[in-house]
Protein backbone atom coordinates (compact mmCIF):
# COMPACT_ATOMS: atom_id res chain seq x y z
CA MET A 1 107.75 95.48 111.91
CA LEU A 2 103.61 96.51 111.48
CA LEU A 3 102.07 97.90 114.39
CA ALA A 4 98.62 97.17 113.90
CA VAL A 5 95.74 99.29 115.90
CA ASP A 6 92.04 98.65 116.23
CA THR A 7 89.76 100.98 117.81
CA SER A 8 86.85 100.65 115.94
CA THR A 9 84.39 100.31 118.99
CA GLN A 10 84.84 99.25 122.89
CA TRP A 11 86.49 96.30 121.94
CA THR A 12 89.89 97.40 121.43
CA GLY A 13 93.15 95.56 120.04
CA ILE A 14 97.18 96.05 119.00
CA ALA A 15 99.13 93.57 117.60
CA LEU A 16 102.73 93.73 116.78
CA TYR A 17 103.85 91.91 113.04
CA ASN A 18 107.08 90.83 111.06
CA GLU A 19 107.83 89.14 108.10
CA ASN A 20 105.00 86.76 108.57
CA LYS A 21 105.10 86.06 112.52
CA ILE A 22 103.10 87.85 115.11
CA ALA A 23 105.53 89.97 117.57
CA ALA A 24 103.09 90.24 120.45
CA GLU A 25 98.73 90.76 120.57
CA PHE A 26 96.76 92.26 123.01
CA SER A 27 93.06 92.63 123.01
CA TRP A 28 90.63 94.22 125.47
CA GLN A 29 87.12 96.10 126.98
CA THR A 30 88.75 99.64 126.66
CA ARG A 31 84.98 100.86 128.54
CA PHE A 32 85.44 104.54 126.77
CA HIS A 33 88.67 104.95 127.84
CA HIS A 34 90.40 104.87 123.94
CA THR A 35 92.67 108.38 125.06
CA LYS A 36 93.75 106.83 127.94
CA GLU A 37 94.62 103.57 127.60
CA LEU A 38 95.89 103.15 123.90
CA ALA A 39 99.11 105.36 123.92
CA PRO A 40 100.35 103.28 127.01
CA ALA A 41 99.40 100.39 125.77
CA ILE A 42 101.40 100.80 122.69
CA GLN A 43 104.26 101.73 124.17
CA ASN A 44 104.51 98.78 127.00
CA LEU A 45 104.26 96.24 124.05
CA MET A 46 106.86 97.59 122.38
CA LEU A 47 108.83 97.60 125.41
CA ARG A 48 108.35 93.72 126.12
CA CYS A 49 109.07 93.40 122.75
CA GLY A 50 111.93 95.03 123.21
CA ILE A 51 111.02 97.67 119.70
CA THR A 52 111.40 101.20 119.08
CA PRO A 53 109.66 102.95 116.80
CA SER A 54 112.25 103.38 114.68
CA GLU A 55 112.51 99.62 114.01
CA LEU A 56 108.52 100.58 113.00
CA LYS A 57 107.91 100.27 108.82
CA ALA A 58 105.02 100.18 108.54
CA LEU A 59 101.87 100.95 110.49
CA ALA A 60 97.89 99.36 110.04
CA VAL A 61 94.64 100.79 111.72
CA ALA A 62 90.71 99.63 111.47
CA ILE A 63 89.27 101.99 109.44
CA GLY A 64 86.02 101.08 110.98
CA PRO A 65 82.07 101.03 110.50
CA GLY A 66 82.52 101.11 114.36
CA SER A 67 82.07 104.11 117.15
CA PHE A 68 82.63 107.02 116.21
CA THR A 69 84.36 108.58 118.42
CA SER A 70 87.16 105.73 119.24
CA LEU A 71 87.22 105.78 115.56
CA ARG A 72 88.31 108.37 116.03
CA ILE A 73 90.51 107.97 118.09
CA GLY A 74 92.60 105.73 116.79
CA LEU A 75 92.82 106.96 113.48
CA ALA A 76 94.89 109.99 115.16
CA LEU A 77 96.98 108.94 116.75
CA VAL A 78 98.14 106.02 114.11
CA LYS A 79 98.12 109.14 111.55
CA GLY A 80 100.51 111.71 113.43
CA MET A 81 102.55 108.15 114.19
CA ALA A 82 103.01 107.69 110.38
CA LEU A 83 103.89 111.27 109.48
CA ALA A 84 105.92 111.26 112.85
CA LEU A 85 107.10 108.43 111.59
CA ASN A 86 108.08 108.82 107.84
CA ILE A 87 106.27 105.20 107.24
CA PRO A 88 103.54 103.76 104.92
CA ILE A 89 99.72 103.43 106.56
CA VAL A 90 97.18 101.18 105.26
CA GLY A 91 93.76 101.44 106.40
CA ILE A 92 91.81 97.93 106.58
CA PRO A 93 87.80 97.35 106.58
CA THR A 94 86.94 96.59 110.25
CA LEU A 95 83.75 93.91 108.87
CA ASP A 96 86.85 92.83 106.41
CA ILE A 97 88.87 91.94 109.35
CA VAL A 98 84.97 89.91 111.50
CA ALA A 99 84.77 88.09 107.92
CA ALA A 100 88.43 86.84 107.54
CA ALA A 101 88.76 85.60 111.06
CA GLN A 102 86.41 82.66 109.91
CA PRO A 103 86.76 79.82 107.92
CA LEU A 104 85.83 79.66 104.27
CA GLN A 105 82.79 77.90 103.56
CA GLU A 106 79.71 77.59 101.37
CA LEU A 107 77.43 79.53 103.71
CA PRO A 108 77.61 83.43 103.09
CA LEU A 109 78.19 85.57 106.70
CA ALA A 110 77.28 88.56 107.57
CA ALA A 111 79.92 90.11 109.73
CA ILE A 112 78.53 92.48 113.03
CA LEU A 113 79.81 95.51 114.92
CA GLN A 114 78.79 97.25 117.43
CA VAL A 115 78.32 101.07 116.65
CA GLY A 116 76.04 102.60 119.95
CA ARG A 117 72.44 103.77 120.20
CA GLY A 118 71.36 99.85 120.18
CA ARG A 119 73.09 99.62 115.56
CA LEU A 120 74.34 97.23 114.46
CA ALA A 121 76.71 97.81 111.43
CA VAL A 122 76.23 94.60 109.38
CA GLY A 123 78.59 93.13 106.29
CA TRP A 124 77.56 90.09 104.22
CA TYR A 125 79.87 88.08 103.01
CA GLN A 126 80.14 85.65 100.29
CA VAL A 127 83.22 83.58 99.60
CA GLU A 128 85.09 84.52 96.21
CA LYS A 129 88.05 83.14 94.81
CA ARG A 130 89.95 81.61 98.28
CA GLY A 131 88.51 84.57 99.94
CA TRP A 132 85.29 86.58 102.03
CA LYS A 133 84.01 89.25 99.96
CA MET A 134 81.77 92.02 101.28
CA GLN A 135 78.28 91.83 98.61
CA GLY A 136 77.24 95.33 98.40
CA GLU A 137 77.13 98.02 100.70
CA ALA A 138 77.50 97.52 104.94
CA LEU A 139 74.20 98.41 106.24
CA LEU A 140 73.17 99.72 109.24
CA MET A 141 70.90 97.75 111.06
CA THR A 142 68.82 96.92 114.60
CA LEU A 143 68.67 93.33 115.86
CA GLU A 144 65.12 93.61 115.09
CA GLU A 145 65.73 93.95 111.60
CA LEU A 146 69.11 91.42 110.44
CA SER A 147 66.93 89.44 112.78
CA HIS A 148 64.01 89.76 109.94
CA ALA A 149 66.82 90.47 106.90
CA ILE A 150 68.50 86.96 106.90
CA GLU A 151 66.26 83.98 105.76
CA LYS A 152 68.47 81.50 104.55
CA PRO A 153 70.51 79.81 106.26
CA THR A 154 73.72 82.22 107.79
CA LEU A 155 76.71 82.42 109.43
CA VAL A 156 76.64 85.59 111.75
CA SER A 157 80.02 86.46 113.77
CA GLY A 158 80.85 90.31 115.51
CA GLU A 159 80.69 91.97 118.39
CA LEU A 160 76.96 91.39 120.04
CA THR A 161 76.43 91.16 123.61
CA GLU A 162 74.75 87.83 125.19
CA VAL A 163 71.30 89.15 124.58
CA GLU A 164 71.91 89.92 121.56
CA ARG A 165 73.18 86.54 120.80
CA GLN A 166 70.27 84.73 122.58
CA THR A 167 68.09 86.77 120.53
CA LEU A 168 69.30 85.81 117.26
CA GLY A 169 70.57 82.57 118.31
CA LYS A 170 66.22 81.50 118.50
CA ARG A 171 66.53 81.18 114.58
CA ARG A 172 68.72 77.92 114.77
CA LYS A 173 67.59 76.90 110.95
CA THR A 174 68.56 80.31 109.58
CA ILE A 175 70.75 81.60 111.97
CA LEU A 176 74.38 80.22 112.82
CA MET A 177 76.35 81.53 115.65
CA THR A 178 80.17 81.60 115.54
CA SER A 179 81.81 81.22 119.45
CA PRO A 180 82.10 84.11 121.14
CA ALA A 181 86.27 83.03 120.24
CA PHE A 182 85.32 83.15 116.72
CA SER A 183 83.77 86.57 117.12
CA ALA A 184 86.70 88.35 118.61
CA ARG A 185 88.17 90.68 116.48
CA ARG A 186 92.24 89.27 116.55
CA PRO A 187 94.40 93.16 115.84
CA ALA A 188 96.87 89.98 114.69
CA ILE A 189 94.19 89.72 111.95
CA LEU A 190 93.94 93.26 111.15
CA ALA A 191 98.03 93.72 110.89
CA GLU A 192 98.20 90.11 108.26
CA MET A 193 96.25 92.06 106.26
CA ALA A 194 97.76 94.98 106.31
CA TRP A 195 101.06 93.76 106.02
CA LYS A 196 100.19 91.97 102.24
CA ASN A 197 98.58 94.90 101.26
CA TRP A 198 101.62 97.73 102.30
CA GLN A 199 104.43 94.52 99.91
CA ASN A 200 102.10 94.66 97.76
CA GLY A 201 102.29 98.74 97.35
CA ARG A 202 98.28 99.02 98.18
CA ILE A 203 98.65 101.90 100.72
CA ASP A 204 97.17 104.80 102.05
CA ASN A 205 97.40 108.77 102.45
CA PRO A 206 98.19 109.77 106.51
CA VAL A 207 96.13 113.14 105.76
CA THR A 208 93.20 111.68 103.67
CA LEU A 209 92.52 108.30 105.31
CA SER A 210 88.76 108.86 107.26
CA PRO A 211 86.88 106.26 108.64
CA ILE A 212 83.84 104.55 107.16
CA TYR A 213 80.57 105.69 107.85
CA LEU A 214 77.48 103.69 107.13
CA ARG A 215 73.92 104.79 105.69
CA VAL A 216 70.72 103.23 107.67
CA ALA A 217 68.91 100.66 105.60
CA GLU A 218 66.73 100.09 104.36
CA PRO A 219 62.98 98.70 106.12
CA ILE A 220 62.09 95.48 105.29
CA PRO A 221 58.81 95.09 103.75
CA GLU A 222 55.89 93.37 105.42
């Protein structure tokens, strides 16, 4: 059984995954209460599924980008569990989770996360070898910078407020918004991605695993 934890932003999720089967998943808006809510949520989910800590064989954690504090809380808990239980840990970039939820198509994809203070983490993706692959590095951008950066039809998905969705939606010729349901991060997708990595021997060192930090986007030339 693999336990997956995503605390990249206020949208938080946990999932239990085993042998290509989703045993359970739970997502919620934590509103800056990660420290109080995360451990009890994991305990309750495992209790509902009749799973004990000794039955966990691997752990998965979203490593960002995202909110600095919330990422640290999730990483600290999962790394502590990995060391205490002596089981493997797999870190997955959070923007890859957003991208993996989208059906494959020829259009480019902009995957988005909230990182606080009016900034967005943006990753640009194209389909390569039957999967979404990030092109270059993820960047920190404002909504205005993102809007100006999209010059050709592009699928946009991820964590956006209602106002942000309306603002981007005005550029219907170039920005194609996914629905809120397809934009929400599912911890089961994180679990599935991590399971494949674990089965192929791609695991991380729980001591050195750290969050992804971003650089600020270059100004858009006028």
